[in-house]
Amino acid sequence: MLAGQSIVGAEELVMHAVHWLKLMVEVTGALVIGMGLLATLTTWIRSIRISSKDVFIETRLTLARYLALALELQLGADILSTAVSPSWDQIGKLAAIAVIRTALNYFLLRELHEDSPPC
């Protein structure tokens, strides 16, 4: 009887740990978006006097880099929430979210590669 209780206790401990880890990953994703917004605004404000296509592209690319990272983090948080106690409903939602976020990330990265100056 005691062994069964320790298994249940361990499962609850893992569920709580994953819940907190998911929360930390989500907060990190939100912070990345906030930092990206600040970096983008800084780039835009510095270049407000210069009216050129290059400045506009650089400003967009700055934000796109941060958004791509934030999308990866948010997808990771979604995977964590489903990994502990998946139901078919949660798995379906995760699949839809994963497809949408992966597509967004793909197009963001493609645009980054197309618009970035060669190294």
N, C-alpha and C. Protein backbone atom coordinates (compact mmCIF):
# COMPACT_ATOMS: atom_id res chain seq x y z
N MET A 1 0.82 -1.20 0.00
CA MET A 1 0.00 0.00 0.00
C MET A 1 0.86 1.26 0.00
N LEU A 2 1.95 1.22 0.71
CA LEU A 2 2.84 2.37 0.78
C LEU A 2 3.51 2.64 -0.56
N ALA A 3 3.84 1.59 -1.30
CA ALA A 3 4.47 1.77 -2.61
C ALA A 3 3.53 2.47 -3.57
N GLY A 4 2.25 2.15 -3.54
CA GLY A 4 1.27 2.80 -4.40
C GLY A 4 1.14 4.28 -4.09
N GLN A 5 1.21 4.62 -2.81
CA GLN A 5 1.12 6.02 -2.42
C GLN A 5 2.34 6.80 -2.89
N SER A 6 3.51 6.18 -2.86
CA SER A 6 4.71 6.88 -3.29
C SER A 6 4.70 7.12 -4.79
N ILE A 7 4.09 6.20 -5.56
CA ILE A 7 3.98 6.39 -7.01
C ILE A 7 3.05 7.56 -7.30
N VAL A 8 1.92 7.61 -6.60
CA VAL A 8 0.98 8.71 -6.79
C VAL A 8 1.64 10.02 -6.39
N GLY A 9 2.39 10.02 -5.30
CA GLY A 9 3.09 11.23 -4.86
C GLY A 9 4.13 11.67 -5.88
N ALA A 10 4.83 10.71 -6.47
CA ALA A 10 5.84 11.04 -7.48
C ALA A 10 5.18 11.61 -8.73
N GLU A 11 4.04 11.04 -9.13
CA GLU A 11 3.32 11.56 -10.31
C GLU A 11 2.87 12.99 -10.08
N GLU A 12 2.35 13.26 -8.89
CA GLU A 12 1.91 14.62 -8.57
C GLU A 12 3.10 15.58 -8.56
N LEU A 13 4.21 15.13 -8.03
CA LEU A 13 5.42 15.96 -8.01
C LEU A 13 5.87 16.30 -9.42
N VAL A 14 5.87 15.30 -10.30
CA VAL A 14 6.26 15.54 -11.69
C VAL A 14 5.28 16.49 -12.37
N MET A 15 3.99 16.30 -12.12
CA MET A 15 2.98 17.17 -12.73
C MET A 15 3.16 18.62 -12.27
N HIS A 16 3.43 18.82 -10.99
CA HIS A 16 3.65 20.18 -10.48
C HIS A 16 4.93 20.77 -11.07
N ALA A 17 5.98 19.96 -11.15
CA ALA A 17 7.25 20.45 -11.70
C ALA A 17 7.08 20.86 -13.16
N VAL A 18 6.37 20.04 -13.93
CA VAL A 18 6.15 20.37 -15.35
C VAL A 18 5.27 21.60 -15.48
N HIS A 19 4.28 21.73 -14.61
CA HIS A 19 3.43 22.93 -14.63
C HIS A 19 4.26 24.19 -14.42
N TRP A 20 5.16 24.17 -13.44
CA TRP A 20 5.99 25.34 -13.17
C TRP A 20 6.99 25.58 -14.30
N LEU A 21 7.53 24.51 -14.86
CA LEU A 21 8.45 24.65 -15.99
C LEU A 21 7.73 25.26 -17.19
N LYS A 22 6.51 24.80 -17.45
CA LYS A 22 5.70 25.36 -18.54
C LYS A 22 5.47 26.85 -18.31
N LEU A 23 5.15 27.21 -17.08
CA LEU A 23 4.92 28.62 -16.76
C LEU A 23 6.18 29.45 -16.99
N MET A 24 7.33 28.92 -16.59
CA MET A 24 8.59 29.64 -16.80
C MET A 24 8.89 29.81 -18.29
N VAL A 25 8.62 28.78 -19.08
CA VAL A 25 8.88 28.87 -20.52
C VAL A 25 7.93 29.89 -21.16
N GLU A 26 6.67 29.90 -20.74
CA GLU A 26 5.72 30.88 -21.27
C GLU A 26 6.13 32.30 -20.91
N VAL A 27 6.54 32.50 -19.67
CA VAL A 27 6.98 33.84 -19.24
C VAL A 27 8.22 34.26 -20.01
N THR A 28 9.14 33.32 -20.23
CA THR A 28 10.34 33.63 -21.00
C THR A 28 9.96 34.04 -22.42
N GLY A 29 9.02 33.33 -23.02
CA GLY A 29 8.55 33.70 -24.36
C GLY A 29 7.96 35.10 -24.39
N ALA A 30 7.17 35.43 -23.38
CA ALA A 30 6.59 36.77 -23.31
C ALA A 30 7.68 37.83 -23.12
N LEU A 31 8.67 37.52 -22.30
CA LEU A 31 9.78 38.46 -22.10
C LEU A 31 10.58 38.66 -23.38
N VAL A 32 10.76 37.60 -24.15
CA VAL A 32 11.47 37.71 -25.43
C VAL A 32 10.70 38.64 -26.37
N ILE A 33 9.38 38.50 -26.40
CA ILE A 33 8.58 39.40 -27.24
C ILE A 33 8.73 40.84 -26.76
N GLY A 34 8.70 41.05 -25.46
CA GLY A 34 8.88 42.40 -24.92
C GLY A 34 10.24 42.98 -25.26
N MET A 35 11.29 42.16 -25.13
CA MET A 35 12.63 42.63 -25.48
C MET A 35 12.72 42.93 -26.98
N GLY A 36 12.06 42.10 -27.78
CA GLY A 36 12.04 42.34 -29.22
C GLY A 36 11.34 43.64 -29.57
N LEU A 37 10.26 43.92 -28.86
CA LEU A 37 9.56 45.18 -29.09
C LEU A 37 10.45 46.37 -28.74
N LEU A 38 11.14 46.27 -27.60
CA LEU A 38 12.05 47.35 -27.22
C LEU A 38 13.19 47.52 -28.22
N ALA A 39 13.77 46.40 -28.66
CA ALA A 39 14.86 46.47 -29.64
C ALA A 39 14.36 47.06 -30.96
N THR A 40 13.16 46.67 -31.36
CA THR A 40 12.60 47.19 -32.61
C THR A 40 12.31 48.68 -32.50
N LEU A 41 11.72 49.09 -31.39
CA LEU A 41 11.45 50.51 -31.20
C LEU A 41 12.74 51.32 -31.17
N THR A 42 13.77 50.78 -30.53
CA THR A 42 15.06 51.46 -30.49
C THR A 42 15.63 51.63 -31.89
N THR A 43 15.59 50.56 -32.67
CA THR A 43 16.08 50.62 -34.05
C THR A 43 15.28 51.64 -34.86
N TRP A 44 13.97 51.62 -34.68
CA TRP A 44 13.11 52.52 -35.44
C TRP A 44 13.33 53.98 -35.04
N ILE A 45 13.44 54.24 -33.74
CA ILE A 45 13.65 55.62 -33.27
C ILE A 45 15.00 56.15 -33.75
N ARG A 46 16.03 55.33 -33.71
CA ARG A 46 17.35 55.77 -34.18
C ARG A 46 17.34 56.10 -35.67
N SER A 47 16.50 55.41 -36.40
CA SER A 47 16.51 55.58 -37.85
C SER A 47 15.36 56.45 -38.36
N ILE A 48 14.70 57.15 -37.48
CA ILE A 48 13.51 57.92 -37.88
C ILE A 48 13.85 59.02 -38.88
N ARG A 49 15.07 59.52 -38.81
CA ARG A 49 15.47 60.58 -39.74
C ARG A 49 15.84 60.04 -41.11
N ILE A 50 16.20 58.78 -41.14
CA ILE A 50 16.61 58.16 -42.40
C ILE A 50 15.39 57.45 -42.98
N SER A 51 15.02 57.84 -44.15
CA SER A 51 13.86 57.22 -44.79
C SER A 51 14.36 56.36 -45.95
N SER A 52 14.57 55.09 -45.64
CA SER A 52 15.02 54.20 -46.71
C SER A 52 14.42 52.82 -46.49
N LYS A 53 14.44 52.06 -47.56
CA LYS A 53 13.91 50.70 -47.51
C LYS A 53 14.77 49.82 -46.60
N ASP A 54 16.08 50.05 -46.60
CA ASP A 54 16.98 49.24 -45.79
C ASP A 54 16.68 49.37 -44.30
N VAL A 55 16.37 50.57 -43.86
CA VAL A 55 16.05 50.79 -42.45
C VAL A 55 14.76 50.07 -42.09
N PHE A 56 13.77 50.15 -42.96
CA PHE A 56 12.51 49.46 -42.72
C PHE A 56 12.72 47.95 -42.64
N ILE A 57 13.51 47.41 -43.55
CA ILE A 57 13.78 45.97 -43.56
C ILE A 57 14.53 45.57 -42.29
N GLU A 58 15.51 46.35 -41.89
CA GLU A 58 16.27 46.04 -40.68
C GLU A 58 15.38 46.07 -39.45
N THR A 59 14.46 47.01 -39.40
CA THR A 59 13.53 47.09 -38.27
C THR A 59 12.63 45.86 -38.23
N ARG A 60 12.11 45.47 -39.37
CA ARG A 60 11.26 44.27 -39.43
C ARG A 60 12.04 43.01 -39.06
N LEU A 61 13.27 42.92 -39.53
CA LEU A 61 14.08 41.74 -39.24
C LEU A 61 14.42 41.64 -37.76
N THR A 62 14.61 42.78 -37.13
CA THR A 62 14.88 42.77 -35.68
C THR A 62 13.72 42.14 -34.94
N LEU A 63 12.52 42.60 -35.24
CA LEU A 63 11.34 42.04 -34.57
C LEU A 63 11.13 40.58 -34.96
N ALA A 64 11.36 40.23 -36.20
CA ALA A 64 11.15 38.86 -36.67
C ALA A 64 12.05 37.87 -35.93
N ARG A 65 13.28 38.26 -35.64
CA ARG A 65 14.19 37.37 -34.92
C ARG A 65 13.65 37.05 -33.52
N TYR A 66 13.18 38.06 -32.85
CA TYR A 66 12.63 37.85 -31.51
C TYR A 66 11.33 37.04 -31.56
N LEU A 67 10.49 37.32 -32.54
CA LEU A 67 9.24 36.58 -32.66
C LEU A 67 9.48 35.11 -32.96
N ALA A 68 10.47 34.82 -33.78
CA ALA A 68 10.78 33.42 -34.10
C ALA A 68 11.20 32.67 -32.83
N LEU A 69 12.03 33.29 -32.02
CA LEU A 69 12.45 32.66 -30.77
C LEU A 69 11.27 32.49 -29.82
N ALA A 70 10.43 33.51 -29.72
CA ALA A 70 9.27 33.43 -28.83
C ALA A 70 8.30 32.34 -29.28
N LEU A 71 8.12 32.18 -30.58
CA LEU A 71 7.25 31.11 -31.08
C LEU A 71 7.79 29.74 -30.69
N GLU A 72 9.09 29.56 -30.78
CA GLU A 72 9.69 28.28 -30.37
C GLU A 72 9.44 28.02 -28.89
N LEU A 73 9.60 29.04 -28.07
CA LEU A 73 9.39 28.88 -26.63
C LEU A 73 7.92 28.56 -26.32
N GLN A 74 7.01 29.25 -26.97
CA GLN A 74 5.59 29.00 -26.71
C GLN A 74 5.18 27.60 -27.16
N LEU A 75 5.73 27.14 -28.27
CA LEU A 75 5.45 25.77 -28.71
C LEU A 75 6.00 24.77 -27.70
N GLY A 76 7.17 25.04 -27.17
CA GLY A 76 7.74 24.17 -26.14
C GLY A 76 6.86 24.11 -24.90
N ALA A 77 6.29 25.24 -24.52
CA ALA A 77 5.39 25.27 -23.36
C ALA A 77 4.13 24.45 -23.64
N ASP A 78 3.62 24.53 -24.85
CA ASP A 78 2.45 23.73 -25.21
C ASP A 78 2.76 22.24 -25.16
N ILE A 79 3.93 21.87 -25.63
CA ILE A 79 4.33 20.46 -25.60
C ILE A 79 4.46 19.98 -24.16
N LEU A 80 5.03 20.81 -23.29
CA LEU A 80 5.15 20.44 -21.88
C LEU A 80 3.78 20.19 -21.25
N SER A 81 2.82 21.04 -21.54
CA SER A 81 1.51 20.88 -20.91
C SER A 81 0.82 19.60 -21.38
N THR A 82 1.09 19.18 -22.59
CA THR A 82 0.46 17.97 -23.11
C THR A 82 1.23 16.72 -22.70
N ALA A 83 2.50 16.86 -22.41
CA ALA A 83 3.33 15.69 -22.11
C ALA A 83 2.95 15.01 -20.80
N VAL A 84 2.43 15.75 -19.85
CA VAL A 84 2.16 15.18 -18.53
C VAL A 84 0.89 14.34 -18.52
N SER A 85 -0.19 14.89 -18.95
CA SER A 85 -1.46 14.15 -18.92
C SER A 85 -2.25 14.43 -20.19
N PRO A 86 -1.83 13.82 -21.27
CA PRO A 86 -2.50 14.13 -22.54
C PRO A 86 -3.88 13.49 -22.66
N SER A 87 -4.81 14.26 -23.14
CA SER A 87 -6.11 13.72 -23.54
C SER A 87 -6.18 13.91 -25.05
N TRP A 88 -7.11 13.25 -25.68
CA TRP A 88 -7.22 13.40 -27.14
C TRP A 88 -7.56 14.83 -27.51
N ASP A 89 -8.33 15.49 -26.67
CA ASP A 89 -8.66 16.89 -26.93
C ASP A 89 -7.40 17.76 -26.87
N GLN A 90 -6.58 17.54 -25.84
CA GLN A 90 -5.33 18.31 -25.71
C GLN A 90 -4.37 18.01 -26.85
N ILE A 91 -4.30 16.75 -27.25
CA ILE A 91 -3.40 16.38 -28.35
C ILE A 91 -3.86 17.04 -29.65
N GLY A 92 -5.16 17.07 -29.88
CA GLY A 92 -5.69 17.73 -31.08
C GLY A 92 -5.39 19.22 -31.08
N LYS A 93 -5.59 19.86 -29.93
CA LYS A 93 -5.28 21.29 -29.83
C LYS A 93 -3.79 21.55 -30.03
N LEU A 94 -2.96 20.69 -29.42
CA LEU A 94 -1.51 20.84 -29.59
C LEU A 94 -1.12 20.69 -31.05
N ALA A 95 -1.72 19.73 -31.73
CA ALA A 95 -1.39 19.53 -33.14
C ALA A 95 -1.75 20.76 -33.96
N ALA A 96 -2.92 21.33 -33.71
CA ALA A 96 -3.33 22.54 -34.44
C ALA A 96 -2.40 23.70 -34.13
N ILE A 97 -2.09 23.89 -32.85
CA ILE A 97 -1.20 24.98 -32.45
C ILE A 97 0.19 24.77 -33.03
N ALA A 98 0.67 23.53 -33.00
CA ALA A 98 2.00 23.24 -33.53
C ALA A 98 2.08 23.53 -35.02
N VAL A 99 1.05 23.17 -35.75
CA VAL A 99 1.04 23.44 -37.20
C VAL A 99 1.05 24.94 -37.46
N ILE A 100 0.21 25.67 -36.76
CA ILE A 100 0.13 27.12 -36.96
C ILE A 100 1.44 27.80 -36.59
N ARG A 101 1.98 27.46 -35.43
CA ARG A 101 3.23 28.11 -34.98
C ARG A 101 4.41 27.70 -35.84
N THR A 102 4.44 26.45 -36.27
CA THR A 102 5.53 26.01 -37.13
C THR A 102 5.46 26.72 -38.48
N ALA A 103 4.26 26.89 -39.01
CA ALA A 103 4.11 27.60 -40.28
C ALA A 103 4.53 29.06 -40.13
N LEU A 104 4.10 29.70 -39.05
CA LEU A 104 4.51 31.08 -38.80
C LEU A 104 6.03 31.19 -38.69
N ASN A 105 6.61 30.28 -37.94
CA ASN A 105 8.06 30.30 -37.76
C ASN A 105 8.78 30.05 -39.08
N TYR A 106 8.27 29.13 -39.88
CA TYR A 106 8.87 28.84 -41.18
C TYR A 106 8.90 30.09 -42.05
N PHE A 107 7.77 30.78 -42.14
CA PHE A 107 7.71 31.96 -42.99
C PHE A 107 8.54 33.11 -42.42
N LEU A 108 8.59 33.23 -41.10
CA LEU A 108 9.46 34.25 -40.49
C LEU A 108 10.92 33.97 -40.82
N LEU A 109 11.34 32.72 -40.65
CA LEU A 109 12.73 32.38 -40.93
C LEU A 109 13.06 32.51 -42.41
N ARG A 110 12.12 32.16 -43.26
CA ARG A 110 12.34 32.30 -44.70
C ARG A 110 12.52 33.77 -45.06
N GLU A 111 11.70 34.62 -44.47
CA GLU A 111 11.83 36.05 -44.73
C GLU A 111 13.14 36.59 -44.17
N LEU A 112 13.55 36.08 -43.02
CA LEU A 112 14.83 36.50 -42.45
C LEU A 112 15.97 36.16 -43.40
N HIS A 113 15.95 34.96 -43.96
CA HIS A 113 17.02 34.55 -44.87
C HIS A 113 16.99 35.34 -46.18
N GLU A 114 15.80 35.66 -46.65
CA GLU A 114 15.68 36.40 -47.91
C GLU A 114 16.12 37.85 -47.76
N ASP A 115 15.76 38.46 -46.63
CA ASP A 115 16.02 39.89 -46.46
C ASP A 115 17.34 40.20 -45.77
N SER A 116 17.94 39.21 -45.13
CA SER A 116 19.20 39.47 -44.43
C SER A 116 20.32 39.69 -45.43
N PRO A 117 21.20 40.64 -45.12
CA PRO A 117 22.35 40.85 -46.01
C PRO A 117 23.30 39.66 -45.91
N PRO A 118 23.96 39.31 -47.00
CA PRO A 118 24.89 38.18 -46.96
C PRO A 118 26.07 38.48 -46.04
N CYS A 119 26.52 37.45 -45.35
CA CYS A 119 27.64 37.62 -44.41
C CYS A 119 28.97 37.56 -45.12
